[in-house]
Protein backbone atom coordinates (compact mmCIF):
# COMPACT_ATOMS: atom_id res chain seq x y z
CA GLY A 1 80.30 2.25 -24.70
CA HIS A 2 79.26 -1.25 -25.26
CA GLY A 3 80.41 -1.33 -28.91
CA LYS A 4 83.82 -0.17 -27.96
CA ARG A 5 84.30 -3.06 -25.40
CA GLY A 6 83.08 -5.47 -27.90
CA ASP A 7 85.67 -4.53 -30.48
CA TRP A 8 88.39 -4.84 -27.61
CA PHE A 9 87.29 -8.37 -26.59
CA ARG A 10 87.18 -9.45 -30.26
CA SER A 11 90.83 -8.26 -30.89
CA PRO A 12 93.62 -10.74 -29.91
CA SER A 13 95.26 -9.50 -26.89
CA LEU A 14 97.56 -10.36 -24.17
CA GLU A 15 98.02 -9.59 -20.63
CA VAL A 16 100.95 -10.29 -18.26
CA ASP A 17 100.61 -10.20 -14.56
CA ALA A 18 103.16 -8.93 -12.23
CA PHE A 19 104.90 -12.33 -11.88
CA GLY A 20 105.08 -12.88 -15.75
CA ARG A 21 102.19 -15.39 -16.25
CA ALA A 22 100.61 -14.69 -19.72
CA ALA A 23 96.99 -15.24 -20.25
CA GLU A 24 94.71 -14.88 -23.10
CA ARG A 25 91.87 -12.33 -22.91
CA ALA A 26 88.41 -13.40 -22.34
CA GLY A 27 86.49 -13.83 -25.80
CA GLY A 28 89.21 -15.42 -27.77
CA GLY A 29 92.60 -14.48 -28.77
CA PRO A 30 95.79 -15.90 -30.43
CA PRO A 31 97.43 -19.34 -29.90
CA PRO A 32 99.77 -19.60 -26.90
CA LEU A 33 102.85 -17.69 -27.67
CA GLU A 34 105.60 -19.79 -29.18
CA ARG A 35 108.69 -20.92 -27.51
CA ARG A 36 112.03 -20.50 -29.36
CA GLY A 37 114.51 -22.80 -28.35
CA ASP A 38 114.76 -22.54 -24.32
CA ARG A 39 113.10 -19.00 -24.55
CA ARG A 40 109.51 -18.59 -23.79
CA GLN A 41 108.16 -15.40 -25.56
CA ASP A 42 105.90 -14.20 -22.69
CA ASP A 43 108.38 -13.99 -19.94
CA MET A 44 109.08 -10.64 -18.28
CA ASP A 45 111.65 -9.28 -16.04
CA GLU A 46 112.01 -10.79 -12.53
CA LEU A 47 109.52 -9.30 -9.99
CA ALA A 48 108.96 -6.24 -12.76
CA TRP A 49 112.18 -4.56 -11.43
CA SER A 50 114.17 -4.04 -14.56
CA LEU A 51 114.00 -2.36 -17.93
CA PHE A 52 115.82 -4.80 -20.03
CA GLY A 53 113.44 -7.92 -20.65
CA VAL A 54 116.35 -10.16 -19.48
CA ASN A 55 115.05 -12.60 -17.02
CA TYR A 56 118.06 -14.54 -14.95
CA HIS A 57 115.71 -17.69 -14.44
CA TYR A 58 113.77 -17.93 -17.82
CA GLY A 59 115.69 -16.04 -20.21
CA MET A 60 114.82 -13.21 -22.62
CA PRO A 61 111.97 -13.02 -25.31
CA LEU A 62 113.51 -12.45 -28.53
CA ASN A 63 113.05 -8.96 -29.91
CA PRO A 64 111.23 -9.53 -33.47
CA SER A 65 111.86 -6.01 -34.50
CA ALA A 66 115.72 -6.16 -33.99
CA PRO A 67 118.00 -7.11 -36.94
CA GLU A 68 117.89 -10.81 -37.87
CA GLY A 69 120.58 -12.62 -36.09
CA SER A 70 121.06 -10.11 -33.14
CA LEU A 71 120.41 -10.54 -29.38
CA ARG A 72 119.14 -6.99 -29.06
CA ILE A 73 116.83 -6.72 -25.79
CA PRO A 74 113.18 -6.28 -25.94
CA GLY A 75 112.95 -3.82 -23.03
CA GLY A 76 111.17 -4.57 -19.81
CA SER A 77 109.64 -5.21 -17.69
CA SER A 78 106.54 -5.85 -19.74
CA SER A 79 108.55 -7.51 -22.43
CA GLY A 80 106.42 -10.50 -23.14
CA SER A 81 103.44 -8.16 -24.06
CA ALA A 82 105.54 -5.86 -26.17
CA VAL A 83 107.12 -8.80 -28.19
CA ALA A 84 103.74 -10.38 -28.61
CA VAL A 85 102.25 -7.09 -30.10
CA ALA A 86 105.50 -6.68 -32.12
CA SER A 87 105.47 -10.07 -33.58
CA LYS A 88 101.73 -9.86 -34.63
CA GLN A 89 100.83 -12.66 -32.22
CA ALA A 90 98.54 -10.14 -30.44
CA ASP A 91 96.87 -6.73 -31.50
CA LEU A 92 96.89 -5.48 -27.91
CA GLY A 93 99.38 -6.21 -24.90
CA ILE A 94 98.63 -5.13 -21.31
CA GLY A 95 101.62 -4.47 -18.70
CA THR A 96 102.46 -2.20 -15.89
CA ASP A 97 104.85 0.83 -15.79
CA THR A 98 106.57 1.78 -12.67
CA GLY A 99 109.88 3.10 -14.09
CA GLY A 100 109.61 2.82 -17.71
CA SER A 101 108.16 -0.70 -18.13
CA ILE A 102 105.89 0.09 -20.99
CA ARG A 103 107.74 2.83 -22.53
CA VAL A 104 111.00 1.28 -22.88
CA PRO A 105 109.95 -1.99 -24.42
CA ALA A 106 107.56 0.07 -26.80
CA SER A 107 110.57 1.97 -28.06
CA TYR A 108 112.72 -1.14 -28.30
CA CYS A 109 110.28 -3.06 -30.01
CA GLY A 110 109.02 -0.51 -32.33
CA VAL A 111 105.39 -0.35 -31.11
CA CYS A 112 103.19 2.27 -29.46
CA GLY A 113 102.96 2.18 -25.71
CA ILE A 114 101.21 4.49 -23.18
CA ARG A 115 101.81 4.83 -19.46
CA PRO A 116 98.59 6.67 -18.29
CA THR A 117 98.30 9.37 -15.63
CA HIS A 118 99.01 7.82 -12.15
CA GLY A 119 95.86 6.34 -10.78
CA ALA A 120 93.66 6.94 -13.96
CA VAL A 121 93.29 3.10 -14.53
CA SER A 122 92.57 0.68 -11.66
CA LEU A 123 95.41 -1.76 -10.64
CA GLU A 124 93.03 -3.77 -8.77
CA GLY A 125 94.41 -7.55 -8.77
CA ALA A 126 97.85 -6.54 -9.71
CA CYS A 127 100.81 -7.23 -7.33
CA ALA A 128 102.27 -3.86 -6.18
CA LEU A 129 105.85 -3.02 -6.72
CA ALA A 130 105.97 0.96 -5.83
CA PRO A 131 102.27 1.90 -5.49
CA SER A 132 102.90 5.69 -5.88
CA PHE A 133 104.58 4.93 -9.39
CA ASP A 134 102.75 1.69 -10.50
CA THR A 135 100.54 2.16 -13.55
CA LEU A 136 98.64 -0.05 -15.91
CA GLY A 137 99.61 0.51 -19.67
CA TRP A 138 99.20 -1.01 -22.95
CA PHE A 139 100.79 -1.76 -26.30
CA ALA A 140 99.42 -1.53 -29.88
CA ARG A 141 101.00 -1.57 -33.16
CA ASP A 142 99.18 1.70 -34.27
CA MET A 143 97.96 4.88 -32.62
CA GLU A 144 94.30 4.08 -33.70
CA LEU A 145 94.00 0.80 -31.40
CA LEU A 146 96.05 2.51 -28.57
CA ALA A 147 93.36 5.41 -28.52
CA ARG A 148 90.69 2.97 -28.76
CA VAL A 149 91.82 1.13 -25.65
CA GLY A 150 92.07 4.54 -24.04
CA ASP A 151 88.49 5.20 -24.89
CA VAL A 152 87.54 2.04 -22.93
CA LEU A 153 89.97 2.29 -19.86
CA LEU A 154 90.70 6.09 -19.21
CA PRO A 155 88.21 8.25 -17.39
CA ARG A 156 86.30 10.93 -18.98
CA THR A 157 87.97 14.38 -18.65
CA THR A 158 86.30 16.46 -16.14
CA THR A 159 88.03 19.79 -16.90
CA THR A 160 85.84 22.80 -17.41
CA ARG A 161 88.88 25.06 -18.25
CA PRO A 162 88.91 26.44 -21.78
CA GLN A 163 90.89 24.53 -24.38
CA SER A 164 91.77 27.27 -26.88
CA LYS A 165 93.43 26.21 -30.25
CA GLU A 166 96.54 28.26 -29.20
CA ARG A 167 96.80 26.27 -25.87
CA ARG A 168 96.60 22.94 -27.45
CA ARG A 169 99.43 23.60 -29.72
CA LYS A 170 101.99 24.26 -26.87
CA ILE A 171 104.68 21.61 -27.97
CA LEU A 172 107.81 21.78 -25.95
CA VAL A 173 110.87 20.01 -26.96
CA ALA A 174 113.07 18.74 -23.82
CA ALA A 175 116.58 19.84 -25.01
CA ASP A 176 118.17 18.60 -22.00
CA ALA A 177 116.40 15.22 -22.38
CA PHE A 178 117.58 14.88 -25.81
CA LYS A 179 121.27 15.13 -24.60
CA LEU A 180 120.74 11.83 -22.83
CA ALA A 181 120.05 10.31 -26.28
CA GLU A 182 122.83 8.86 -28.39
CA GLU A 183 123.76 11.44 -31.26
CA GLU A 184 122.53 9.17 -33.80
CA THR A 185 119.20 8.84 -32.29
CA GLN A 186 118.81 12.62 -31.73
CA HIS A 187 119.30 13.37 -35.51
CA HIS A 188 117.10 10.46 -36.52
CA ILE A 189 114.13 11.86 -34.35
CA TYR A 190 114.43 15.39 -35.38
CA SER A 191 114.88 14.58 -38.94
CA LYS A 192 111.46 12.50 -38.73
CA VAL A 193 109.62 15.14 -36.71
CA SER A 194 110.82 18.19 -38.61
CA PRO A 195 108.70 17.69 -41.63
CA LEU A 196 105.64 17.50 -39.29
CA VAL A 197 106.73 20.78 -37.76
CA GLN A 198 106.79 22.51 -41.00
CA ALA A 199 103.52 21.18 -42.34
CA LYS A 200 100.94 23.84 -42.60
CA GLY A 201 98.18 23.49 -40.08
CA SER A 202 100.07 20.78 -38.30
CA LEU A 203 99.40 20.56 -34.35
CA MET A 204 103.22 20.76 -34.09
CA GLU A 205 103.70 23.88 -35.88
CA LYS A 206 104.28 25.87 -32.64
CA MET A 207 107.30 24.31 -30.88
CA GLU A 208 109.95 25.68 -28.26
CA GLU A 209 113.10 23.99 -27.02
CA ILE A 210 113.17 23.98 -23.28
CA GLU A 211 115.41 22.75 -20.23
CA VAL A 212 113.04 20.66 -18.09
CA ASP A 213 115.29 19.75 -15.29
CA PRO A 214 115.07 22.60 -12.68
CA TYR A 215 118.28 21.73 -11.11
CA GLY A 216 120.47 21.67 -14.19
CA SER A 217 121.91 18.47 -13.27
CA GLY A 218 121.48 16.39 -16.30
CA PHE A 219 118.41 14.82 -14.64
CA ASP A 220 120.80 13.39 -11.85
CA ARG A 221 118.32 14.74 -9.12
CA HIS A 222 115.47 12.89 -10.81
CA PHE A 223 117.39 9.84 -10.85
CA ARG A 224 118.22 9.85 -7.24
CA ALA A 225 114.85 10.95 -6.15
CA PHE A 226 113.36 8.14 -8.18
CA ARG A 227 115.69 5.30 -7.15
CA ILE A 228 115.39 6.22 -3.34
CA LEU A 229 111.64 6.52 -3.52
CA GLN A 230 111.03 3.60 -5.71
CA SER A 231 113.19 1.33 -3.76
CA GLY A 232 111.75 2.40 -0.39
CA GLU A 233 108.24 1.45 -1.83
CA VAL A 234 109.55 -1.91 -3.14
CA TRP A 235 111.03 -2.89 0.19
CA SER A 236 107.83 -1.94 1.84
CA GLU A 237 105.87 -4.08 -0.56
CA LEU A 238 108.07 -7.00 -1.02
CA GLY A 239 110.67 -6.78 1.52
CA PRO A 240 108.84 -8.98 4.05
CA TRP A 241 108.47 -11.69 1.37
CA VAL A 242 112.24 -11.50 0.54
CA ARG A 243 113.30 -11.98 4.18
CA GLU A 244 110.80 -14.87 4.81
CA HIS A 245 111.77 -16.74 1.86
CA ASP A 246 115.15 -15.66 0.93
CA PRO A 247 114.68 -16.38 -2.94
CA VAL A 248 117.57 -16.74 -5.43
CA LEU A 249 117.40 -13.33 -7.15
CA GLY A 250 119.08 -12.68 -10.61
CA PRO A 251 121.88 -10.04 -11.13
CA GLY A 252 120.78 -6.44 -10.65
CA ILE A 253 117.70 -7.38 -9.03
CA LYS A 254 119.62 -8.85 -6.00
CA GLU A 255 121.58 -5.77 -5.50
CA ARG A 256 118.52 -3.27 -5.75
CA PHE A 257 116.95 -5.37 -2.91
CA GLN A 258 120.04 -5.06 -1.03
CA PHE A 259 120.17 -1.23 -1.65
CA ALA A 260 116.54 -0.90 -0.67
CA ALA A 261 116.89 -2.87 2.51
CA GLU A 262 119.43 -0.24 3.82
CA LEU A 263 117.57 2.84 3.09
CA LYS A 264 116.82 5.41 5.96
CA GLU A 265 113.64 7.03 6.45
CA GLU A 266 115.51 10.53 6.51
CA GLU A 267 116.88 9.77 2.89
CA ILE A 268 113.22 8.87 1.85
CA GLY A 269 111.80 11.98 3.30
CA GLU A 270 114.39 14.23 1.69
CA GLU A 271 113.55 12.85 -1.85
CA LYS A 272 109.72 13.25 -1.26
CA LYS A 273 110.45 16.96 -1.06
CA VAL A 274 112.62 16.89 -4.38
CA ARG A 275 109.69 14.96 -5.97
CA GLU A 276 107.13 17.67 -5.13
CA GLU A 277 109.41 20.27 -6.30
CA ILE A 278 109.99 18.32 -9.81
CA THR A 279 106.29 17.86 -10.04
CA GLU A 280 105.42 21.52 -9.42
CA HIS A 281 108.03 22.68 -11.76
CA LEU A 282 106.50 20.33 -14.74
CA HIS A 283 102.99 21.64 -14.00
CA ASP A 284 104.30 25.17 -14.32
CA LEU A 285 106.01 24.23 -17.50
CA LEU A 286 103.25 22.48 -19.33
CA GLY A 287 100.05 24.14 -17.87
CA ASP A 288 96.85 22.26 -18.75
CA HIS A 289 97.54 21.58 -22.47
CA GLY A 290 101.32 21.59 -23.05
CA VAL A 291 102.76 18.68 -24.67
CA LEU A 292 106.61 17.63 -24.05
CA MET A 293 108.54 15.66 -26.67
CA LEU A 294 111.64 13.66 -25.51
CA PRO A 295 113.14 10.31 -26.40
CA SER A 296 111.48 7.33 -24.97
CA ALA A 297 114.91 5.62 -24.60
CA PRO A 298 118.60 6.84 -25.15
CA GLY A 299 118.79 4.79 -28.55
CA PRO A 300 117.83 1.46 -30.23
CA PRO A 301 117.85 -1.67 -28.04
CA PRO A 302 121.49 -2.77 -27.26
CA ASP A 303 122.72 -6.28 -28.19
CA VAL A 304 123.14 -8.29 -24.97
CA SER A 305 125.87 -10.53 -26.84
CA VAL A 306 128.13 -7.46 -27.14
CA LEU A 307 127.15 -5.29 -24.21
CA PRO A 308 129.82 -4.93 -21.73
CA PRO A 309 128.95 -5.46 -18.12
CA GLU A 310 130.39 -2.17 -17.03
CA GLU A 311 127.76 -0.27 -19.50
CA VAL A 312 124.71 -1.90 -17.98
CA ASP A 313 124.32 0.22 -15.08
CA GLU A 314 125.21 3.34 -17.16
CA LEU A 315 122.36 2.51 -19.67
CA ARG A 316 119.95 1.72 -16.97
CA GLY A 317 120.88 5.13 -15.39
CA ARG A 318 120.43 7.04 -18.69
CA LEU A 319 117.14 5.09 -19.31
CA LEU A 320 115.85 6.07 -15.58
CA ARG A 321 116.76 9.70 -15.95
CA LEU A 322 114.47 9.78 -19.05
CA THR A 323 111.50 7.89 -17.62
CA SER A 324 111.63 9.43 -14.21
CA ILE A 325 110.35 12.66 -15.71
CA ALA A 326 106.86 11.22 -16.15
CA GLY A 327 107.50 8.59 -13.22
CA LEU A 328 108.05 11.20 -10.40
CA THR A 329 105.38 13.41 -11.59
CA GLY A 330 102.66 11.08 -12.31
CA PHE A 331 102.31 12.58 -15.82
CA PRO A 332 101.04 10.18 -18.80
CA GLN A 333 103.53 9.40 -21.44
CA VAL A 334 103.14 7.85 -24.88
CA SER A 335 105.96 6.14 -26.74
CA ILE A 336 105.67 6.49 -30.72
CA PRO A 337 107.72 4.34 -33.03
CA ILE A 338 109.67 6.68 -35.18
CA GLY A 339 111.51 4.25 -37.44
CA ALA A 340 114.81 2.26 -36.97
CA LEU A 341 118.41 3.00 -37.17
CA PRO A 342 120.00 0.82 -39.89
CA GLY A 343 121.29 -2.49 -38.42
CA GLN A 344 120.37 -1.57 -35.00
CA GLY A 345 116.68 -1.44 -34.45
CA PRO A 346 113.90 0.94 -33.66
CA VAL A 347 113.61 4.12 -31.60
CA GLY A 348 110.84 5.81 -29.98
């Protein structure tokens, strides 16, 4: 309603377009994001095609939730928005999520973030990356504001199916997804969630551990399908521009475009079938009212000053195995901050 929209425009917020420009929302907002040394705090990953928040050309926004003196990544690609919210320079940050670009920075910066159901919120005016995966999402420091934004942006539910109390309480723990998380992170999340499960009358009092991957592959098939399908769409959207202008692309981004340029239609067609199977399987698991609990990221944000180069691809692979569960199926996912590991930073 009008009142809800008024609240939104009165709240300091930040939006970042798909090429990293930050702009204040209409109706007033915070002062421009500060520059720390040679680092702009509103930058994002190059062409939105990364999950770390490290831009080869413009640097990395500093993660305000990381231990002081560390260079722990903010996560990306919507790093600038997440940093703005975590540092209290904005109440609300808007970004896009294709492969985890809301969920990962939300987890690493210790804020709330949502990737809505694919297609639920208009992307009119945005630069497409991989249209069948692209979503508009947002960050907030608390779930109340995150939900209030949803009241404005998300369509009203039209389901006429019965929503019994029993069905609303179907909480499933993705045991195989938790295996992708670091052991300390697994223990931390379970220690925080267990009291909620045991609380009388809790919505989480009925929980069940399940295996989500229908192939039993540790989500390797999810990763392959996502990588190939996303890359194919990125090349369709941005390949002509890359061929014409031959831009200087940063490490990782350059190799992803090279991989995308060499994909065959037969490979893409095969992974579309896998995507359909994965989507059908998750629909069967969750029904209409099920909720799946899994880590937003494998652990707290890594420190780029000590992260060995050989571990970068391994970390990106584990991240994508987690985020592709929602990415391939179009399901919504919310990242909720669940505290921090001492000396390491937040987990979600």
